Protein backbone atom coordinates (compact mmCIF):
# COMPACT_ATOMS: atom_id res chain seq x y z
CA UNK A 1 37.13 -11.30 -25.50
CA UNK A 2 34.59 -9.98 -22.97
CA UNK A 3 32.35 -8.74 -25.81
CA UNK A 4 32.43 -12.20 -27.42
CA UNK A 5 31.49 -13.87 -24.12
CA UNK A 6 28.71 -11.35 -23.48
CA UNK A 7 27.35 -11.92 -27.01
CA UNK A 8 27.47 -15.68 -26.51
CA UNK A 9 25.69 -15.36 -23.17
CA UNK A 10 23.03 -13.11 -24.71
CA UNK A 11 22.38 -15.67 -27.47
CA UNK A 12 22.10 -18.50 -24.90
CA UNK A 13 19.81 -16.40 -22.75
CA UNK A 14 17.60 -15.50 -25.73
CA UNK A 15 17.35 -19.17 -26.69
CA UNK A 16 16.50 -20.16 -23.10
CA UNK A 17 13.83 -17.43 -22.81
CA UNK A 18 12.39 -18.36 -26.24
CA UNK A 19 12.13 -22.01 -25.22
CA UNK A 20 10.58 -21.20 -21.83
CA UNK A 21 8.28 -18.47 -23.29
CA UNK A 22 9.02 -16.10 -20.43
CA UNK A 23 11.82 -14.57 -18.44
CA UNK A 24 12.38 -16.68 -15.35
CA UNK A 25 13.71 -15.71 -11.94
CA UNK A 26 14.98 -17.77 -9.04
CA UNK A 27 15.72 -17.07 -5.39
CA UNK A 28 18.68 -18.68 -3.64
CA UNK A 29 17.18 -20.49 -0.64
CA UNK A 30 20.27 -21.83 1.13
CA UNK A 31 24.01 -21.49 1.09
CA UNK A 32 25.60 -23.77 -1.52
CA UNK A 33 28.83 -21.95 -2.27
CA UNK A 34 30.38 -18.51 -2.32
CA UNK A 35 28.50 -17.17 -5.33
CA UNK A 36 25.16 -15.49 -4.95
CA UNK A 37 23.45 -14.40 -1.77
CA UNK A 38 20.83 -16.40 0.13
CA UNK A 39 17.44 -14.71 -0.26
CA UNK A 40 18.44 -12.73 -3.35
CA UNK A 41 16.64 -13.10 -6.67
CA UNK A 42 18.48 -13.65 -9.95
CA UNK A 43 17.49 -14.00 -13.58
CA UNK A 44 17.72 -17.59 -14.87
CA UNK A 45 19.95 -17.76 -17.95
CA UNK A 46 19.72 -21.51 -18.41
CA UNK A 47 18.81 -24.60 -16.48
CA UNK A 48 19.93 -28.21 -16.77
CA UNK A 49 19.63 -31.33 -14.61
CA UNK A 50 23.39 -31.73 -14.15
CA UNK A 51 24.47 -28.24 -13.17
CA UNK A 52 21.22 -26.72 -11.90
CA UNK A 53 20.57 -23.04 -12.60
CA UNK A 54 22.83 -20.61 -14.39
CA UNK A 55 21.99 -17.27 -12.77
CA UNK A 56 22.76 -13.62 -13.43
CA UNK A 57 21.86 -10.41 -11.61
CA UNK A 58 18.92 -8.86 -13.55
CA UNK A 59 20.23 -6.23 -15.96
CA UNK A 60 23.83 -7.51 -15.75
CA UNK A 61 25.01 -10.04 -18.33
CA UNK A 62 28.71 -9.90 -17.41
CA UNK A 63 28.76 -12.16 -14.34
CA UNK A 64 26.95 -15.49 -14.30
CA UNK A 65 27.24 -18.46 -11.97
CA UNK A 66 25.78 -21.92 -11.51
CA UNK A 67 23.76 -22.93 -8.45
CA UNK A 68 22.44 -26.45 -7.66
CA UNK A 69 18.70 -27.06 -8.04
CA UNK A 70 18.23 -27.93 -4.36
CA UNK A 71 19.53 -24.46 -3.35
CA UNK A 72 17.18 -22.46 -5.58
CA UNK A 73 13.45 -21.90 -5.97
CA UNK A 74 11.78 -20.34 -8.98
CA UNK A 75 9.83 -17.14 -8.33
CA UNK A 76 7.46 -15.04 -10.38
CA UNK A 77 8.38 -11.41 -11.05
CA UNK A 78 6.19 -9.18 -8.92
CA UNK A 79 5.40 -12.01 -6.54
CA UNK A 80 8.75 -11.77 -4.84
CA UNK A 81 9.01 -10.59 -1.25
CA UNK A 82 12.76 -10.06 -1.21
CA UNK A 83 13.45 -6.57 0.18
CA UNK A 84 14.60 -3.93 -2.32
CA UNK A 85 13.95 -6.19 -5.33
CA UNK A 86 12.01 -4.63 -8.17
CA UNK A 87 10.55 -6.14 -11.30
CA UNK A 88 13.20 -5.76 -14.02
CA UNK A 89 12.30 -3.66 -17.06
CA UNK A 90 12.71 -6.73 -19.28
CA UNK A 91 9.59 -8.40 -17.83
CA UNK A 92 6.83 -8.81 -20.41
CA UNK A 93 4.31 -5.92 -20.08
CA UNK A 94 1.19 -8.02 -20.67
CA UNK A 95 2.23 -10.66 -18.13
CA UNK A 96 3.10 -8.03 -15.52
CA UNK A 97 -0.19 -6.18 -16.11
CA UNK A 98 -2.09 -9.44 -15.63
CA UNK A 99 -0.27 -10.08 -12.33
CA UNK A 100 -1.00 -6.58 -11.00
CA UNK A 101 -4.67 -6.62 -11.99
CA UNK A 102 -5.07 -10.19 -10.75
CA UNK A 103 -3.90 -9.14 -7.29
CA UNK A 104 -6.43 -6.27 -7.24
CA UNK A 105 -9.33 -8.39 -8.49
CA UNK A 106 -8.47 -11.15 -5.99
CA UNK A 107 -8.61 -8.54 -3.21
CA UNK A 108 -11.99 -7.27 -4.47
CA UNK A 109 -13.41 -10.79 -4.56
CA UNK A 110 -12.13 -11.46 -1.04
CA UNK A 111 -13.69 -8.22 0.28
CA UNK A 112 -16.94 -8.97 -1.56
CA UNK A 113 -17.17 -12.27 0.32
CA UNK A 114 -16.52 -10.52 3.63
CA UNK A 115 -18.81 -7.48 3.16
CA UNK A 116 -21.33 -8.74 0.64
CA UNK A 117 -21.92 -6.71 -2.49
CA UNK A 118 -22.15 -3.45 -0.51
CA UNK A 119 -20.11 -1.44 -3.01
CA UNK A 120 -22.55 -2.01 -5.87
CA UNK A 121 -25.66 -2.49 -3.72
CA UNK A 122 -25.31 -0.09 -0.76
CA UNK A 123 -27.26 -1.01 2.39
CA UNK A 124 -28.65 2.55 2.77
CA UNK A 125 -28.65 2.28 6.57
CA UNK A 126 -27.05 5.69 7.16
CA UNK A 127 -26.28 6.99 3.67
CA UNK A 128 -28.83 7.19 0.89
CA UNK A 129 -26.20 7.62 -1.84
CA UNK A 130 -26.35 5.34 -4.86
CA UNK A 131 -23.42 3.04 -5.70
CA UNK A 132 -21.65 5.55 -7.98
CA UNK A 133 -21.80 8.44 -5.48
CA UNK A 134 -20.86 6.16 -2.59
CA UNK A 135 -17.77 4.92 -4.45
CA UNK A 136 -16.78 8.49 -5.31
CA UNK A 137 -16.85 9.35 -1.58
CA UNK A 138 -14.65 6.35 -0.76
CA UNK A 139 -12.23 7.38 -3.53
CA UNK A 140 -12.10 10.93 -2.14
CA UNK A 141 -11.07 9.48 1.23
CA UNK A 142 -8.28 7.40 -0.34
CA UNK A 143 -6.99 10.34 -2.38
CA UNK A 144 -6.94 12.55 0.73
CA UNK A 145 -4.88 9.92 2.56
CA UNK A 146 -2.37 9.86 -0.32
CA UNK A 147 -2.36 13.67 -0.44
CA UNK A 148 -1.65 13.88 3.30
CA UNK A 149 0.86 11.03 3.60
CA UNK A 150 2.28 10.70 0.08
CA UNK A 151 2.85 7.44 -1.75
CA UNK A 152 5.11 5.20 0.33
CA UNK A 153 5.14 1.81 2.03
CA UNK A 154 2.54 3.07 4.51
CA UNK A 155 0.07 4.02 1.76
CA UNK A 156 0.75 1.25 -0.77
CA UNK A 157 -2.47 -0.51 0.29
CA UNK A 158 -4.31 2.79 -0.25
CA UNK A 159 -3.16 2.84 -3.88
CA UNK A 160 -4.37 -0.74 -4.33
CA UNK A 161 -7.71 0.15 -2.71
CA UNK A 162 -8.06 3.15 -5.02
CA UNK A 163 -7.46 0.96 -8.08
CA UNK A 164 -10.11 -1.42 -6.75
CA UNK A 165 -12.58 1.42 -6.22
CA UNK A 166 -11.98 2.59 -9.81
CA UNK A 167 -12.84 -0.89 -11.07
CA UNK A 168 -15.96 -0.95 -8.88
CA UNK A 169 -16.90 2.53 -10.14
CA UNK A 170 -16.65 1.29 -13.74
CA UNK A 171 -18.94 -1.62 -12.84
CA UNK A 172 -21.43 0.67 -11.03
CA UNK A 173 -21.50 3.09 -13.97
CA UNK A 174 -22.19 0.21 -16.39
CA UNK A 175 -25.09 -0.97 -14.19
CA UNK A 176 -26.50 2.55 -14.00
CA UNK A 177 -26.83 2.97 -17.81
């Protein structure tokens, strides 16, 4: 009987995901009953105006529950700030890649506004290095920080900065040709 219910749930979930073109997630925002935990993120199995959201713990199709719409907010995978929540393996690779690179490019654009285009057009006040060499020095510094402290919550920004510097290096190398 459990296998039949799980198969039925999988078919419903596949139909819902096909119709919505993407796996959806929702966070419970306030207490509306004993099922689910406020602040936790769940995969949306189906949604309707009468019952609200049918939710399931990501990766677990055995236990689902309904939660009213006014107690839930939709969230994007990777954009969630719930502690200890990770992007489930079932998230579409291309979409997730776009979200990660978008966050890095947004950071680069923000820093470019703040500092000017100093990465690609160095000021040469103290250093006379060209853009490529200057970026390589910055990357060395970031890699040394990771080497000394490891990859953890404290150095997560360092990893993002390093990715940004690699993108800037690619741009500088293309300009140098």
